[in-house]
Amino acid sequence: MNHICLIGRLTADPEVRYTQGEKPMAVARYTLAVDRPRRAEGQQAADFIRCVAFGNTAEFAEKYLHKGNKIALEGRIQTGSYDDKDGKKVYTTDVIVNHHSFCESAGNAPSKSITTDENGFMSIPDGLEDDGLPFN
């Protein structure tokens, strides 16, 4: 099974192009910086993973994804190769994105501060009617 799930931050805005032909299709390319587990205190490392999205997924990337966004994605790994201008074989590894979603609200921070009690439960703000809760 070839399935991958990643969480990371975009290193730049996605680069989007459209295919030629009767039905042009969007193709978005971007790099995702994914943190590695820390080996020692203070050591932080990341992998920079090339991602490619097609069609509606690429159009979503073009419209909503920007440098620094923290996203989750799922897709598959695809390998390939080509000969560069000097005739040397270059091997590639890309993640073909099936779906991506945001991991943070706009501004890279929660929109409201959330307070919890000593047991980790959130406080319900005063004035919130019972019919406003999602589980009624």
Protein backbone atom coordinates (compact mmCIF):
# COMPACT_ATOMS: atom_id res chain seq x y z
CA MET A 1 0.00 0.00 0.00
CA ASN A 2 1.35 3.41 -0.98
CA HIS A 3 -0.25 5.92 1.41
CA ILE A 4 1.32 8.85 3.26
CA CYS A 5 0.07 11.40 5.80
CA LEU A 6 2.16 14.48 6.63
CA ILE A 7 1.88 17.62 8.73
CA GLY A 8 4.19 20.53 8.03
CA ARG A 9 4.57 24.12 6.87
CA LEU A 10 4.78 25.43 3.33
CA THR A 11 8.21 26.86 2.54
CA ALA A 12 6.78 29.14 -0.19
CA ASP A 13 3.51 29.88 -1.96
CA PRO A 14 2.48 27.02 -4.27
CA GLU A 15 3.58 27.33 -7.88
CA VAL A 16 0.52 26.68 -10.06
CA ARG A 17 0.43 26.04 -13.79
CA TYR A 18 -2.30 24.82 -16.12
CA THR A 19 -2.02 22.02 -18.66
CA GLN A 20 -2.68 22.68 -22.35
CA GLY A 21 -5.61 21.21 -24.25
CA GLU A 22 -9.38 21.22 -24.37
CA LYS A 23 -9.80 20.90 -20.61
CA PRO A 24 -6.89 22.66 -18.88
CA MET A 25 -6.08 21.21 -15.47
CA ALA A 26 -4.33 22.97 -12.60
CA VAL A 27 -1.06 21.50 -11.32
CA ALA A 28 0.28 22.91 -8.03
CA ARG A 29 3.78 22.26 -6.72
CA TYR A 30 5.02 23.19 -3.27
CA THR A 31 7.51 22.09 -0.65
CA LEU A 32 6.42 21.05 2.83
CA ALA A 33 8.84 21.36 5.76
CA VAL A 34 8.09 18.43 8.09
CA ASP A 35 9.77 18.33 11.51
CA ARG A 36 11.75 15.25 12.47
CA PRO A 37 11.59 13.91 16.01
CA ARG A 38 14.15 15.60 18.26
CA ARG A 39 17.18 13.50 19.13
CA ALA A 40 18.60 15.77 21.80
CA GLU A 41 17.37 18.83 23.63
CA GLY A 42 17.51 21.91 21.41
CA GLN A 43 18.14 19.93 18.19
CA GLN A 44 15.50 20.56 15.55
CA ALA A 45 15.64 19.11 12.05
CA ALA A 46 13.18 18.99 9.19
CA ASP A 47 12.71 17.18 5.91
CA PHE A 48 11.71 19.25 2.88
CA ILE A 49 9.25 17.22 0.86
CA ARG A 50 8.16 18.08 -2.67
CA CYS A 51 4.41 17.86 -3.17
CA VAL A 52 2.27 17.93 -6.32
CA ALA A 53 -1.51 18.42 -6.47
CA PHE A 54 -3.78 18.16 -9.51
CA GLY A 55 -7.22 19.46 -10.51
CA ASN A 56 -9.49 20.77 -7.75
CA THR A 57 -6.86 20.01 -5.11
CA ALA A 58 -4.38 22.20 -7.01
CA GLU A 59 -6.95 24.98 -7.38
CA PHE A 60 -7.54 24.87 -3.61
CA ALA A 61 -3.77 25.18 -3.09
CA GLU A 62 -3.60 28.15 -5.47
CA LYS A 63 -6.42 29.97 -3.73
CA TYR A 64 -5.83 29.21 -0.04
CA LEU A 65 -2.31 27.92 0.67
CA HIS A 66 0.50 30.35 1.39
CA LYS A 67 4.03 30.33 2.72
CA GLY A 68 4.10 29.42 6.41
CA ASN A 69 0.67 27.72 6.51
CA LYS A 70 0.64 24.59 8.63
CA ILE A 71 -1.27 21.90 6.76
CA ALA A 72 -2.01 18.21 6.92
CA LEU A 73 -2.05 16.22 3.72
CA GLU A 74 -2.61 12.69 2.55
CA GLY A 75 -1.51 11.16 -0.69
CA ARG A 76 1.01 8.75 -2.16
CA ILE A 77 4.71 8.70 -2.96
CA GLN A 78 5.74 8.70 -6.60
CA THR A 79 9.29 8.21 -7.83
CA GLY A 80 10.68 9.00 -11.25
CA SER A 81 13.81 9.94 -13.15
CA TYR A 82 14.97 12.10 -16.04
CA ASP A 83 18.23 13.00 -17.77
CA ASP A 84 19.49 16.51 -17.02
CA LYS A 85 21.14 18.82 -19.58
CA ASP A 86 24.50 17.11 -19.00
CA GLY A 87 23.01 13.66 -19.63
CA LYS A 88 23.20 12.67 -15.96
CA LYS A 89 20.26 10.66 -14.57
CA VAL A 90 18.35 12.55 -11.85
CA TYR A 91 16.00 10.64 -9.54
CA THR A 92 12.92 12.30 -8.07
CA THR A 93 10.56 11.57 -5.19
CA ASP A 94 7.30 13.51 -4.86
CA VAL A 95 4.15 13.22 -2.79
CA ILE A 96 1.07 13.23 -5.01
CA VAL A 97 -1.52 15.03 -2.87
CA ASN A 98 -5.06 13.64 -2.70
CA HIS A 99 -6.27 15.98 0.05
CA HIS A 100 -4.90 18.76 2.23
CA SER A 101 -6.39 20.75 5.10
CA PHE A 102 -5.39 23.49 7.51
CA CYS A 103 -3.98 22.70 10.95
CA GLU A 104 -4.26 26.26 12.30
CA SER A 105 -6.65 29.15 12.05
CA ALA A 106 -5.77 32.29 10.09
CA GLY A 107 -2.78 34.14 11.46
CA ASN A 108 -1.14 30.90 12.66
CA ALA A 109 -2.81 31.23 16.05
CA PRO A 110 -6.17 30.42 17.56
CA SER A 111 -8.70 33.18 16.89
CA LYS A 112 -9.76 33.34 20.57
CA SER A 113 -7.90 32.44 23.69
CA ILE A 114 -9.22 29.22 25.16
CA THR A 115 -9.01 28.65 28.87
CA THR A 116 -9.24 25.27 30.54
CA ASP A 117 -9.71 24.17 34.12
CA GLU A 118 -7.30 21.94 36.05
CA ASN A 119 -8.83 18.86 34.36
CA GLY A 120 -8.33 20.23 30.84
CA PHE A 121 -11.99 21.08 30.17
CA MET A 122 -12.82 24.29 28.30
CA SER A 123 -14.93 26.96 29.92
CA ILE A 124 -18.20 27.82 28.16
CA PRO A 125 -18.43 31.61 27.81
CA ASP A 126 -21.21 33.41 29.69
CA GLY A 127 -24.28 34.19 27.62
CA LEU A 128 -23.97 31.17 25.34
CA GLU A 129 -27.40 29.62 25.06
CA ASP A 130 -27.78 25.85 25.27
CA ASP A 131 -29.07 25.71 21.69
CA GLY A 132 -25.69 27.07 20.51
CA LEU A 133 -23.84 23.95 21.60
CA PRO A 134 -23.10 21.41 18.86
CA PHE A 135 -24.23 18.32 20.79
CA ASN A 136 -27.82 19.35 21.62
